[in-house]
């Protein structure tokens, strides 16, 4: 499939639960053919003011030296519902270009209502949103919040549901690895294989890649 650009907008480093320094994760992505990668470590009100400035700094340094684009971001994770909007606003005003919110995956006890609060706060991406409701998917489409299809094993069981909701409501999809190490960075062939196995057609697969490119270019 021609003209597909490999981008990952949801990754983790040693600043949260990832295995690698930011520089090493970015370098491994570059070697695998990625053109852009967002560093989105887990944050809540306890650490966002510590993690985010360091991610912003290292992205600035790496972008002066390497061809791959490093994008500073965060993943707001398991935060109280009322804290999601303030955290999104803090991240946006302090250098985060991609703001991910940890959605209501079935594999973790995420607070019900997190999906809705994240969408209302206009985060960039709602990660692994589990059995997202049609009402919330409609709201995501209206507010321009992208829904994530994930390659991560403990979250991917609801990918088909998320895809179906996106088709029904017009919400836009992105494919992310939720990478915690270099081995989590899927290849282009692997990404296409996963999306085809879900039943996405050629044009839909191309749209998923374009959506990631649009988010990356606007960040």
N, C-alpha and C. Protein backbone atom coordinates (compact mmCIF):
# COMPACT_ATOMS: atom_id res chain seq x y z
N UNK A 1 0.85 -1.19 0.00
CA UNK A 1 0.00 0.00 0.00
C UNK A 1 0.89 1.24 0.00
N UNK A 2 0.69 2.12 -0.94
CA UNK A 2 1.59 3.24 -1.14
C UNK A 2 1.26 4.42 -0.22
N UNK A 3 2.30 5.23 0.01
CA UNK A 3 2.16 6.54 0.67
C UNK A 3 1.67 6.45 2.11
N UNK A 4 2.00 5.37 2.82
CA UNK A 4 1.66 5.27 4.22
C UNK A 4 2.84 5.76 5.05
N UNK A 5 2.56 6.61 6.01
CA UNK A 5 3.62 7.20 6.85
C UNK A 5 3.47 6.64 8.26
N UNK A 6 4.54 6.01 8.74
CA UNK A 6 4.49 5.39 10.06
C UNK A 6 4.70 6.44 11.15
N UNK A 7 3.70 6.55 12.03
CA UNK A 7 3.71 7.52 13.13
C UNK A 7 3.11 6.83 14.35
N UNK A 8 3.69 7.06 15.51
CA UNK A 8 3.12 6.56 16.76
C UNK A 8 2.91 7.75 17.69
N UNK A 9 1.67 7.95 18.11
CA UNK A 9 1.32 9.11 18.93
C UNK A 9 0.96 8.73 20.36
N UNK A 10 1.43 7.55 20.80
CA UNK A 10 1.15 7.10 22.17
C UNK A 10 2.25 6.15 22.59
N UNK A 11 3.24 6.67 23.35
CA UNK A 11 4.37 5.86 23.79
C UNK A 11 4.78 6.24 25.21
N UNK A 12 5.59 5.37 25.80
CA UNK A 12 6.03 5.58 27.18
C UNK A 12 7.52 5.33 27.33
N UNK A 13 8.16 6.13 28.17
CA UNK A 13 9.59 6.04 28.42
C UNK A 13 9.83 5.76 29.90
N UNK A 14 11.09 5.86 30.31
CA UNK A 14 11.44 5.67 31.72
C UNK A 14 10.80 6.72 32.64
N UNK A 15 10.25 7.79 32.05
CA UNK A 15 9.59 8.79 32.87
C UNK A 15 8.25 8.29 33.42
N UNK A 16 7.75 7.16 32.90
CA UNK A 16 6.60 6.50 33.54
C UNK A 16 6.90 5.01 33.59
N UNK A 17 6.14 4.19 32.84
CA UNK A 17 6.33 2.74 32.94
C UNK A 17 6.99 2.13 31.72
N UNK A 18 7.64 2.95 30.89
CA UNK A 18 8.38 2.42 29.76
C UNK A 18 9.75 1.91 30.17
N UNK A 19 10.42 1.25 29.23
CA UNK A 19 11.72 0.63 29.53
C UNK A 19 12.91 1.47 29.07
N UNK A 20 12.68 2.44 28.21
CA UNK A 20 13.80 3.12 27.55
C UNK A 20 13.84 4.61 27.86
N UNK A 21 15.04 5.17 27.79
CA UNK A 21 15.17 6.62 27.77
C UNK A 21 14.47 7.19 26.55
N UNK A 22 13.99 8.42 26.61
CA UNK A 22 13.36 9.00 25.43
C UNK A 22 14.22 8.91 24.17
N UNK A 23 15.50 9.22 24.29
CA UNK A 23 16.39 9.20 23.12
C UNK A 23 16.44 7.82 22.48
N UNK A 24 16.51 6.79 23.31
CA UNK A 24 16.61 5.44 22.75
C UNK A 24 15.30 5.02 22.09
N UNK A 25 14.17 5.34 22.70
CA UNK A 25 12.90 4.98 22.09
C UNK A 25 12.73 5.67 20.75
N UNK A 26 13.07 6.94 20.69
CA UNK A 26 12.96 7.69 19.44
C UNK A 26 13.90 7.11 18.38
N UNK A 27 15.11 6.79 18.78
CA UNK A 27 16.07 6.22 17.84
C UNK A 27 15.59 4.87 17.31
N UNK A 28 15.05 4.04 18.17
CA UNK A 28 14.54 2.75 17.71
C UNK A 28 13.37 2.93 16.73
N UNK A 29 12.53 3.93 16.99
CA UNK A 29 11.43 4.22 16.06
C UNK A 29 11.97 4.68 14.71
N UNK A 30 12.99 5.52 14.74
CA UNK A 30 13.58 6.00 13.49
C UNK A 30 14.14 4.84 12.66
N UNK A 31 14.83 3.93 13.32
CA UNK A 31 15.40 2.77 12.61
C UNK A 31 14.31 1.90 12.01
N UNK A 32 13.14 1.85 12.66
CA UNK A 32 12.03 1.04 12.15
C UNK A 32 11.22 1.75 11.07
N UNK A 33 11.63 2.95 10.70
CA UNK A 33 10.97 3.64 9.61
C UNK A 33 9.91 4.64 9.99
N UNK A 34 9.79 4.95 11.28
CA UNK A 34 8.81 5.94 11.71
C UNK A 34 9.31 7.35 11.36
N UNK A 35 8.39 8.22 11.01
CA UNK A 35 8.74 9.60 10.69
C UNK A 35 8.44 10.54 11.85
N UNK A 36 7.60 10.10 12.79
CA UNK A 36 7.26 10.93 13.95
C UNK A 36 6.84 10.03 15.09
N UNK A 37 7.12 10.49 16.30
CA UNK A 37 6.72 9.74 17.49
C UNK A 37 6.43 10.73 18.61
N UNK A 38 5.31 10.52 19.28
CA UNK A 38 4.96 11.35 20.43
C UNK A 38 5.33 10.62 21.71
N UNK A 39 5.99 11.32 22.61
CA UNK A 39 6.35 10.77 23.91
C UNK A 39 5.26 11.20 24.90
N UNK A 40 4.46 10.23 25.35
CA UNK A 40 3.25 10.55 26.12
C UNK A 40 3.23 9.75 27.42
N UNK A 41 4.14 10.07 28.31
CA UNK A 41 4.20 9.33 29.55
C UNK A 41 2.98 9.58 30.43
N UNK A 42 2.70 8.59 31.29
CA UNK A 42 1.57 8.67 32.21
C UNK A 42 1.74 9.83 33.19
N UNK A 43 0.70 10.61 33.33
CA UNK A 43 0.72 11.71 34.29
C UNK A 43 -0.64 11.85 34.98
N UNK A 44 -0.58 12.42 36.16
CA UNK A 44 -1.76 12.94 36.84
C UNK A 44 -1.30 14.21 37.57
N UNK A 45 -2.06 14.66 38.55
CA UNK A 45 -1.69 15.92 39.20
C UNK A 45 -0.41 15.80 40.04
N UNK A 46 0.04 14.57 40.31
CA UNK A 46 1.22 14.38 41.15
C UNK A 46 2.53 14.59 40.41
N UNK A 47 2.54 14.41 39.09
CA UNK A 47 3.82 14.40 38.38
C UNK A 47 3.86 15.15 37.06
N UNK A 48 2.75 15.71 36.61
CA UNK A 48 2.74 16.35 35.30
C UNK A 48 3.72 17.51 35.24
N UNK A 49 3.89 18.22 36.35
CA UNK A 49 4.81 19.36 36.35
C UNK A 49 6.27 18.93 36.38
N UNK A 50 6.54 17.67 36.68
CA UNK A 50 7.89 17.13 36.63
C UNK A 50 8.18 16.48 35.28
N UNK A 51 7.26 15.68 34.79
CA UNK A 51 7.49 14.90 33.57
C UNK A 51 7.45 15.77 32.32
N UNK A 52 6.43 16.60 32.18
CA UNK A 52 6.22 17.32 30.92
C UNK A 52 7.39 18.23 30.53
N UNK A 53 7.95 19.04 31.43
CA UNK A 53 9.07 19.89 31.00
C UNK A 53 10.27 19.09 30.49
N UNK A 54 10.50 17.92 31.05
CA UNK A 54 11.62 17.10 30.62
C UNK A 54 11.37 16.48 29.25
N UNK A 55 10.13 16.11 28.99
CA UNK A 55 9.79 15.59 27.66
C UNK A 55 9.88 16.70 26.62
N UNK A 56 9.40 17.88 26.96
CA UNK A 56 9.51 19.02 26.04
C UNK A 56 10.98 19.30 25.73
N UNK A 57 11.83 19.27 26.75
CA UNK A 57 13.25 19.55 26.56
C UNK A 57 13.91 18.53 25.65
N UNK A 58 13.70 17.25 25.92
CA UNK A 58 14.38 16.23 25.12
C UNK A 58 13.87 16.23 23.68
N UNK A 59 12.60 16.48 23.47
CA UNK A 59 12.08 16.56 22.09
C UNK A 59 12.75 17.70 21.33
N UNK A 60 12.91 18.82 21.99
CA UNK A 60 13.58 19.96 21.36
C UNK A 60 15.01 19.60 20.96
N UNK A 61 15.71 18.92 21.84
CA UNK A 61 17.10 18.53 21.55
C UNK A 61 17.16 17.54 20.41
N UNK A 62 16.30 16.51 20.44
CA UNK A 62 16.34 15.48 19.41
C UNK A 62 15.94 16.03 18.04
N UNK A 63 15.02 16.96 18.03
CA UNK A 63 14.57 17.53 16.75
C UNK A 63 15.63 18.40 16.09
N UNK A 64 16.63 18.82 16.84
CA UNK A 64 17.74 19.57 16.24
C UNK A 64 18.75 18.63 15.59
N UNK A 65 18.68 17.35 15.93
CA UNK A 65 19.72 16.42 15.52
C UNK A 65 19.27 15.33 14.57
N UNK A 66 18.03 14.90 14.68
CA UNK A 66 17.57 13.72 13.93
C UNK A 66 16.44 14.08 12.98
N UNK A 67 16.29 13.26 11.96
CA UNK A 67 15.25 13.49 10.96
C UNK A 67 13.86 13.17 11.51
N UNK A 68 13.75 12.08 12.29
CA UNK A 68 12.46 11.74 12.88
C UNK A 68 12.00 12.87 13.79
N UNK A 69 10.70 13.14 13.78
CA UNK A 69 10.17 14.23 14.60
C UNK A 69 9.70 13.69 15.95
N UNK A 70 10.21 14.26 17.01
CA UNK A 70 9.80 13.91 18.37
C UNK A 70 8.77 14.93 18.84
N UNK A 71 7.63 14.45 19.31
CA UNK A 71 6.53 15.33 19.70
C UNK A 71 6.28 15.19 21.20
N UNK A 72 6.35 16.28 21.94
CA UNK A 72 6.10 16.20 23.38
C UNK A 72 4.62 16.02 23.68
N UNK A 73 4.34 15.13 24.62
CA UNK A 73 2.95 14.89 24.99
C UNK A 73 2.83 14.29 26.37
N UNK A 74 1.62 13.90 26.71
CA UNK A 74 1.34 13.23 27.98
C UNK A 74 0.18 12.26 27.75
N UNK A 75 0.08 11.29 28.66
CA UNK A 75 -1.15 10.48 28.76
C UNK A 75 -1.70 10.66 30.17
N UNK A 76 -2.79 11.37 30.27
CA UNK A 76 -3.46 11.58 31.56
C UNK A 76 -4.13 10.27 31.94
N UNK A 77 -3.75 9.74 33.10
CA UNK A 77 -4.07 8.35 33.42
C UNK A 77 -4.72 8.21 34.80
N UNK A 78 -5.91 7.59 34.83
CA UNK A 78 -6.62 7.29 36.08
C UNK A 78 -6.81 8.53 36.95
N UNK A 79 -6.94 9.68 36.34
CA UNK A 79 -7.17 10.90 37.11
C UNK A 79 -8.64 10.99 37.52
N UNK A 80 -8.93 11.62 38.66
CA UNK A 80 -10.33 11.88 39.01
C UNK A 80 -11.02 12.66 37.90
N UNK A 81 -12.28 12.36 37.70
CA UNK A 81 -13.03 12.96 36.59
C UNK A 81 -12.89 14.48 36.57
N UNK A 82 -13.04 15.12 37.73
CA UNK A 82 -13.03 16.58 37.77
C UNK A 82 -11.64 17.16 37.48
N UNK A 83 -10.60 16.32 37.53
CA UNK A 83 -9.24 16.80 37.28
C UNK A 83 -8.83 16.69 35.81
N UNK A 84 -9.61 15.99 35.00
CA UNK A 84 -9.19 15.75 33.61
C UNK A 84 -9.11 17.05 32.82
N UNK A 85 -10.13 17.87 32.89
CA UNK A 85 -10.11 19.13 32.14
C UNK A 85 -8.97 20.04 32.59
N UNK A 86 -8.76 20.27 33.89
CA UNK A 86 -7.61 21.09 34.30
C UNK A 86 -6.27 20.51 33.85
N UNK A 87 -6.14 19.19 33.88
CA UNK A 87 -4.88 18.57 33.45
C UNK A 87 -4.66 18.75 31.95
N UNK A 88 -5.72 18.62 31.17
CA UNK A 88 -5.61 18.85 29.73
C UNK A 88 -5.18 20.29 29.47
N UNK A 89 -5.79 21.23 30.17
CA UNK A 89 -5.44 22.64 29.96
C UNK A 89 -4.01 22.93 30.41
N UNK A 90 -3.59 22.34 31.52
CA UNK A 90 -2.21 22.52 31.98
C UNK A 90 -1.23 21.96 30.96
N UNK A 91 -1.51 20.77 30.46
CA UNK A 91 -0.61 20.15 29.48
C UNK A 91 -0.50 21.01 28.23
N UNK A 92 -1.63 21.51 27.77
CA UNK A 92 -1.64 22.29 26.53
C UNK A 92 -0.87 23.59 26.68
N UNK A 93 -0.96 24.22 27.83
CA UNK A 93 -0.29 25.51 28.02
C UNK A 93 1.17 25.37 28.44
N UNK A 94 1.60 24.12 28.68
CA UNK A 94 2.98 23.90 29.11
C UNK A 94 3.76 23.01 28.14
N UNK A 95 3.36 23.05 26.88
CA UNK A 95 4.19 22.46 25.85
C UNK A 95 3.78 21.12 25.29
N UNK A 96 2.74 20.49 25.82
CA UNK A 96 2.30 19.21 25.25
C UNK A 96 1.59 19.47 23.93
N UNK A 97 2.04 18.81 22.89
CA UNK A 97 1.44 18.96 21.57
C UNK A 97 0.44 17.84 21.25
N UNK A 98 0.61 16.70 21.90
CA UNK A 98 -0.34 15.61 21.80
C UNK A 98 -0.78 15.25 23.21
N UNK A 99 -2.07 15.37 23.47
CA UNK A 99 -2.61 15.07 24.80
C UNK A 99 -3.51 13.84 24.69
N UNK A 100 -3.03 12.76 25.26
CA UNK A 100 -3.76 11.50 25.29
C UNK A 100 -4.42 11.37 26.65
N UNK A 101 -5.62 10.83 26.68
CA UNK A 101 -6.24 10.46 27.94
C UNK A 101 -6.48 8.95 27.93
N UNK A 102 -6.10 8.30 29.02
CA UNK A 102 -6.24 6.86 29.21
C UNK A 102 -7.72 6.53 29.31
N UNK A 103 -8.26 5.92 28.26
CA UNK A 103 -9.69 5.65 28.21
C UNK A 103 -10.11 4.43 29.02
N UNK A 104 -11.39 4.10 28.91
CA UNK A 104 -12.01 3.08 29.75
C UNK A 104 -11.77 1.67 29.22
N UNK A 105 -10.49 1.30 29.10
CA UNK A 105 -10.14 -0.06 28.70
C UNK A 105 -10.76 -1.07 29.67
N UNK A 106 -11.07 -2.25 29.15
CA UNK A 106 -11.67 -3.29 29.99
C UNK A 106 -10.66 -3.97 30.90
N UNK A 107 -9.36 -3.76 30.64
CA UNK A 107 -8.33 -4.48 31.39
C UNK A 107 -7.89 -3.75 32.67
N UNK A 108 -8.43 -2.56 32.92
CA UNK A 108 -8.06 -1.80 34.11
C UNK A 108 -9.31 -1.14 34.70
N UNK A 109 -9.29 -0.84 36.00
CA UNK A 109 -10.47 -0.25 36.64
C UNK A 109 -10.55 1.26 36.44
N UNK A 110 -10.66 1.67 35.19
CA UNK A 110 -10.75 3.11 34.88
C UNK A 110 -12.11 3.63 35.35
N UNK A 111 -12.11 4.82 35.90
CA UNK A 111 -13.34 5.40 36.45
C UNK A 111 -14.37 5.60 35.34
N UNK A 112 -15.59 5.07 35.51
CA UNK A 112 -16.64 5.32 34.52
C UNK A 112 -16.87 6.82 34.35
N UNK A 113 -17.03 7.23 33.13
CA UNK A 113 -17.18 8.65 32.83
C UNK A 113 -15.90 9.29 32.35
N UNK A 114 -14.78 8.54 32.42
CA UNK A 114 -13.50 9.08 31.95
C UNK A 114 -13.55 9.38 30.46
N UNK A 115 -14.14 8.49 29.67
CA UNK A 115 -14.23 8.73 28.22
C UNK A 115 -14.92 10.06 27.94
N UNK A 116 -16.05 10.27 28.57
CA UNK A 116 -16.82 11.49 28.33
C UNK A 116 -16.04 12.73 28.77
N UNK A 117 -15.44 12.67 29.95
CA UNK A 117 -14.70 13.83 30.46
C UNK A 117 -13.52 14.17 29.56
N UNK A 118 -12.84 13.15 29.03
CA UNK A 118 -11.70 13.38 28.14
C UNK A 118 -12.15 14.05 26.85
N UNK A 119 -13.25 13.59 26.32
CA UNK A 119 -13.77 14.16 25.07
C UNK A 119 -14.23 15.60 25.30
N UNK A 120 -14.93 15.83 26.39
CA UNK A 120 -15.40 17.18 26.68
C UNK A 120 -14.23 18.14 26.90
N UNK A 121 -13.11 17.62 27.39
CA UNK A 121 -11.91 18.45 27.60
C UNK A 121 -11.13 18.66 26.30
N UNK A 122 -11.57 18.02 25.23
CA UNK A 122 -10.94 18.13 23.91
C UNK A 122 -9.47 17.69 23.93
N UNK A 123 -9.24 16.51 24.51
CA UNK A 123 -7.90 15.93 24.37
C UNK A 123 -7.65 15.61 22.91
N UNK A 124 -6.42 15.28 22.57
CA UNK A 124 -6.10 14.94 21.18
C UNK A 124 -6.61 13.55 20.82
N UNK A 125 -6.31 12.59 21.70
CA UNK A 125 -6.61 11.18 21.45
C UNK A 125 -7.19 10.56 22.71
N UNK A 126 -8.29 9.82 22.55
CA UNK A 126 -8.82 8.99 23.62
C UNK A 126 -8.27 7.59 23.41
N UNK A 127 -7.35 7.19 24.28
CA UNK A 127 -6.66 5.92 24.12
C UNK A 127 -7.55 4.75 24.55
N UNK A 128 -7.41 3.65 23.84
CA UNK A 128 -8.11 2.39 24.16
C UNK A 128 -9.40 2.64 24.93
N UNK A 129 -10.43 3.18 24.26
CA UNK A 129 -11.63 3.63 24.96
C UNK A 129 -12.62 2.52 25.30
N UNK A 130 -12.21 1.26 25.18
CA UNK A 130 -13.06 0.16 25.60
C UNK A 130 -14.36 0.11 24.83
N UNK A 131 -15.44 -0.20 25.54
CA UNK A 131 -16.76 -0.26 24.91
C UNK A 131 -17.39 1.13 24.90
N UNK A 132 -16.76 2.04 24.21
CA UNK A 132 -17.23 3.42 24.15
C UNK A 132 -18.67 3.45 23.66
N UNK A 133 -19.46 4.31 24.28
CA UNK A 133 -20.86 4.41 23.89
C UNK A 133 -21.01 5.18 22.59
N UNK A 134 -22.13 4.95 21.92
CA UNK A 134 -22.39 5.69 20.69
C UNK A 134 -22.51 7.18 20.97
N UNK A 135 -23.09 7.52 22.09
CA UNK A 135 -23.23 8.94 22.45
C UNK A 135 -21.86 9.60 22.59
N UNK A 136 -20.93 8.91 23.23
CA UNK A 136 -19.59 9.47 23.40
C UNK A 136 -18.83 9.52 22.08
N UNK A 137 -19.03 8.52 21.23
CA UNK A 137 -18.38 8.52 19.92
C UNK A 137 -18.90 9.68 19.07
N UNK A 138 -20.19 9.96 19.15
CA UNK A 138 -20.76 11.10 18.44
C UNK A 138 -20.12 12.39 18.93
N UNK A 139 -19.97 12.50 20.25
CA UNK A 139 -19.36 13.70 20.83
C UNK A 139 -17.90 13.83 20.39
N UNK A 140 -17.19 12.70 20.32
CA UNK A 140 -15.80 12.74 19.85
C UNK A 140 -15.72 13.24 18.42
N UNK A 141 -16.63 12.78 17.58
CA UNK A 141 -16.65 13.24 16.19
C UNK A 141 -16.90 14.74 16.13
N UNK A 142 -17.81 15.23 16.96
CA UNK A 142 -18.15 16.64 16.94
C UNK A 142 -17.02 17.52 17.47
N UNK A 143 -16.30 17.03 18.47
CA UNK A 143 -15.25 17.84 19.10
C UNK A 143 -13.86 17.59 18.51
N UNK A 144 -13.76 16.68 17.54
CA UNK A 144 -12.48 16.46 16.89
C UNK A 144 -11.50 15.65 17.72
N UNK A 145 -12.01 14.82 18.62
CA UNK A 145 -11.16 13.93 19.42
C UNK A 145 -11.02 12.60 18.68
N UNK A 146 -9.79 12.17 18.50
CA UNK A 146 -9.53 10.93 17.76
C UNK A 146 -9.63 9.73 18.70
N UNK A 147 -10.22 8.65 18.19
CA UNK A 147 -10.33 7.41 18.94
C UNK A 147 -9.21 6.46 18.52
N UNK A 148 -8.66 5.77 19.51
CA UNK A 148 -7.49 4.94 19.25
C UNK A 148 -7.82 3.48 18.99
N UNK A 149 -7.26 2.96 17.90
CA UNK A 149 -7.11 1.53 17.69
C UNK A 149 -5.71 1.20 18.19
N UNK A 150 -5.58 0.17 19.01
CA UNK A 150 -4.30 -0.10 19.65
C UNK A 150 -3.73 -1.45 19.25
N UNK A 151 -2.41 -1.54 19.24
CA UNK A 151 -1.75 -2.82 19.00
C UNK A 151 -1.38 -3.50 20.31
N UNK A 152 -1.62 -2.86 21.44
CA UNK A 152 -1.20 -3.40 22.74
C UNK A 152 -2.14 -4.53 23.17
N UNK A 153 -1.58 -5.66 23.52
CA UNK A 153 -2.35 -6.88 23.73
C UNK A 153 -3.43 -6.76 24.80
N UNK A 154 -3.12 -6.09 25.90
CA UNK A 154 -4.12 -6.05 26.98
C UNK A 154 -5.23 -5.03 26.74
N UNK A 155 -5.18 -4.32 25.61
CA UNK A 155 -6.24 -3.35 25.31
C UNK A 155 -6.96 -3.63 23.99
N UNK A 156 -6.45 -4.52 23.16
CA UNK A 156 -6.95 -4.58 21.78
C UNK A 156 -8.25 -5.35 21.60
N UNK A 157 -8.76 -5.99 22.65
CA UNK A 157 -9.96 -6.81 22.48
C UNK A 157 -11.19 -5.99 22.09
N UNK A 158 -11.18 -4.67 22.35
CA UNK A 158 -12.33 -3.83 21.98
C UNK A 158 -12.07 -3.01 20.72
N UNK A 159 -10.99 -3.31 20.01
CA UNK A 159 -10.70 -2.57 18.77
C UNK A 159 -11.87 -2.62 17.78
N UNK A 160 -12.46 -3.80 17.62
CA UNK A 160 -13.55 -3.95 16.64
C UNK A 160 -14.75 -3.09 17.05
N UNK A 161 -15.03 -3.02 18.34
CA UNK A 161 -16.13 -2.17 18.81
C UNK A 161 -15.84 -0.71 18.53
N UNK A 162 -14.62 -0.27 18.82
CA UNK A 162 -14.24 1.12 18.57
C UNK A 162 -14.36 1.45 17.09
N UNK A 163 -13.88 0.53 16.24
CA UNK A 163 -13.98 0.73 14.81
C UNK A 163 -15.44 0.86 14.37
N UNK A 164 -16.29 -0.01 14.90
CA UNK A 164 -17.71 0.04 14.54
C UNK A 164 -18.36 1.35 14.95
N UNK A 165 -18.01 1.83 16.12
CA UNK A 165 -18.56 3.10 16.57
C UNK A 165 -18.06 4.26 15.72
N UNK A 166 -16.82 4.19 15.31
CA UNK A 166 -16.28 5.24 14.44
C UNK A 166 -17.00 5.24 13.09
N UNK A 167 -17.22 4.06 12.54
CA UNK A 167 -17.95 3.97 11.27
C UNK A 167 -19.36 4.54 11.40
N UNK A 168 -19.99 4.26 12.53
CA UNK A 168 -21.38 4.66 12.72
C UNK A 168 -21.52 6.16 12.94
N UNK A 169 -20.53 6.75 13.59
CA UNK A 169 -20.67 8.14 14.04
C UNK A 169 -19.81 9.14 13.27
N UNK A 170 -18.84 8.64 12.51
CA UNK A 170 -17.94 9.55 11.81
C UNK A 170 -16.75 9.99 12.65
N UNK A 171 -16.56 9.41 13.83
CA UNK A 171 -15.38 9.72 14.64
C UNK A 171 -14.14 9.21 13.92
N UNK A 172 -13.04 9.93 14.06
CA UNK A 172 -11.81 9.58 13.36
C UNK A 172 -10.95 8.64 14.21
N UNK A 173 -10.27 7.72 13.52
CA UNK A 173 -9.44 6.72 14.17
C UNK A 173 -7.96 6.99 13.94
N UNK A 174 -7.15 6.63 14.93
CA UNK A 174 -5.70 6.56 14.75
C UNK A 174 -5.25 5.20 15.27
N UNK A 175 -4.14 4.71 14.73
CA UNK A 175 -3.53 3.47 15.20
C UNK A 175 -2.28 3.81 15.98
N UNK A 176 -2.22 3.35 17.25
CA UNK A 176 -1.06 3.57 18.09
C UNK A 176 -0.59 2.26 18.71
N UNK A 177 0.68 2.25 19.10
CA UNK A 177 1.27 1.06 19.71
C UNK A 177 1.16 1.04 21.22
N UNK A 178 0.97 2.23 21.84
CA UNK A 178 1.08 2.29 23.30
C UNK A 178 2.41 1.65 23.70
N UNK A 179 3.47 2.02 22.97
CA UNK A 179 4.77 1.36 23.09
C UNK A 179 5.42 1.65 24.43
N UNK A 180 5.92 0.58 25.07
CA UNK A 180 6.69 0.69 26.30
C UNK A 180 8.14 0.26 26.10
N UNK A 181 8.46 -0.25 24.92
CA UNK A 181 9.81 -0.67 24.57
C UNK A 181 9.93 -0.69 23.05
N UNK A 182 11.14 -0.85 22.55
CA UNK A 182 11.35 -0.83 21.11
C UNK A 182 10.60 -1.93 20.39
N UNK A 183 10.46 -3.09 21.03
CA UNK A 183 9.79 -4.22 20.39
C UNK A 183 8.30 -3.98 20.19
N UNK A 184 7.74 -3.01 20.90
CA UNK A 184 6.31 -2.70 20.76
C UNK A 184 6.00 -1.89 19.50
N UNK A 185 7.03 -1.39 18.84
CA UNK A 185 6.82 -0.55 17.65
C UNK A 185 6.55 -1.45 16.45
N UNK A 186 5.31 -1.51 16.04
CA UNK A 186 4.90 -2.40 14.96
C UNK A 186 5.41 -1.90 13.62
N UNK A 187 5.63 -2.82 12.69
CA UNK A 187 6.06 -2.44 11.35
C UNK A 187 4.87 -1.99 10.52
N UNK A 188 5.15 -1.38 9.37
CA UNK A 188 4.07 -0.97 8.47
C UNK A 188 3.26 -2.18 8.04
N UNK A 189 3.95 -3.27 7.69
CA UNK A 189 3.25 -4.49 7.27
C UNK A 189 2.38 -5.02 8.40
N UNK A 190 2.90 -4.97 9.63
CA UNK A 190 2.14 -5.43 10.78
C UNK A 190 0.91 -4.57 11.04
N UNK A 191 1.05 -3.27 10.86
CA UNK A 191 -0.07 -2.36 11.05
C UNK A 191 -1.18 -2.63 10.03
N UNK A 192 -0.78 -2.79 8.79
CA UNK A 192 -1.76 -3.07 7.73
C UNK A 192 -2.46 -4.40 7.99
N UNK A 193 -1.69 -5.40 8.40
CA UNK A 193 -2.25 -6.72 8.69
C UNK A 193 -3.29 -6.64 9.80
N UNK A 194 -2.98 -5.91 10.87
CA UNK A 194 -3.92 -5.78 11.98
C UNK A 194 -5.20 -5.09 11.54
N UNK A 195 -5.07 -4.02 10.79
CA UNK A 195 -6.25 -3.27 10.36
C UNK A 195 -7.09 -4.06 9.38
N UNK A 196 -6.46 -4.80 8.49
CA UNK A 196 -7.19 -5.65 7.56
C UNK A 196 -7.93 -6.75 8.30
N UNK A 197 -7.29 -7.33 9.32
CA UNK A 197 -7.91 -8.40 10.10
C UNK A 197 -9.16 -7.89 10.82
N UNK A 198 -9.19 -6.60 11.12
CA UNK A 198 -10.36 -6.00 11.76
C UNK A 198 -11.48 -5.73 10.77
N UNK A 199 -11.18 -5.85 9.48
CA UNK A 199 -12.19 -5.62 8.47
C UNK A 199 -12.16 -4.25 7.84
N UNK A 200 -11.13 -3.46 8.11
CA UNK A 200 -11.02 -2.15 7.48
C UNK A 200 -10.69 -2.32 6.00
N UNK A 201 -11.32 -1.53 5.19
CA UNK A 201 -11.05 -1.54 3.75
C UNK A 201 -9.86 -0.65 3.45
N UNK A 202 -9.37 -0.76 2.23
CA UNK A 202 -8.16 -0.04 1.82
C UNK A 202 -8.27 1.46 2.12
N UNK A 203 -9.38 2.06 1.72
CA UNK A 203 -9.55 3.50 1.92
C UNK A 203 -9.58 3.84 3.41
N UNK A 204 -10.17 2.97 4.23
CA UNK A 204 -10.23 3.21 5.66
C UNK A 204 -8.85 3.12 6.30
N UNK A 205 -8.05 2.16 5.84
CA UNK A 205 -6.68 2.02 6.34
C UNK A 205 -5.88 3.27 6.01
N UNK A 206 -6.00 3.74 4.78
CA UNK A 206 -5.29 4.95 4.39
C UNK A 206 -5.74 6.14 5.23
N UNK A 207 -7.03 6.19 5.56
CA UNK A 207 -7.55 7.30 6.37
C UNK A 207 -6.96 7.26 7.78
N UNK A 208 -6.78 6.07 8.35
CA UNK A 208 -6.18 5.95 9.67
C UNK A 208 -4.77 6.53 9.68
N UNK A 209 -3.99 6.19 8.66
CA UNK A 209 -2.62 6.72 8.57
C UNK A 209 -2.64 8.23 8.35
N UNK A 210 -3.56 8.71 7.52
CA UNK A 210 -3.66 10.16 7.29
C UNK A 210 -4.04 10.91 8.55
N UNK A 211 -4.90 10.30 9.35
CA UNK A 211 -5.31 10.95 10.60
C UNK A 211 -4.12 11.16 11.53
N UNK A 212 -3.27 10.14 11.64
CA UNK A 212 -2.07 10.29 12.47
C UNK A 212 -1.16 11.39 11.91
N UNK A 213 -1.01 11.40 10.59
CA UNK A 213 -0.16 12.42 9.96
C UNK A 213 -0.71 13.82 10.19
N UNK A 214 -2.02 13.95 10.15
CA UNK A 214 -2.65 15.26 10.38
C UNK A 214 -2.43 15.72 11.82
N UNK A 215 -2.61 14.81 12.77
CA UNK A 215 -2.38 15.17 14.16
C UNK A 215 -0.93 15.56 14.40
N UNK A 216 -0.02 14.78 13.82
CA UNK A 216 1.41 15.06 14.01
C UNK A 216 1.80 16.38 13.38
N UNK A 217 1.27 16.68 12.21
CA UNK A 217 1.65 17.91 11.51
C UNK A 217 1.08 19.14 12.19
N UNK A 218 -0.01 18.98 12.89
CA UNK A 218 -0.62 20.12 13.57
C UNK A 218 -0.09 20.34 14.96
N UNK A 219 0.84 19.50 15.37
CA UNK A 219 1.34 19.60 16.74
C UNK A 219 2.63 20.39 16.81
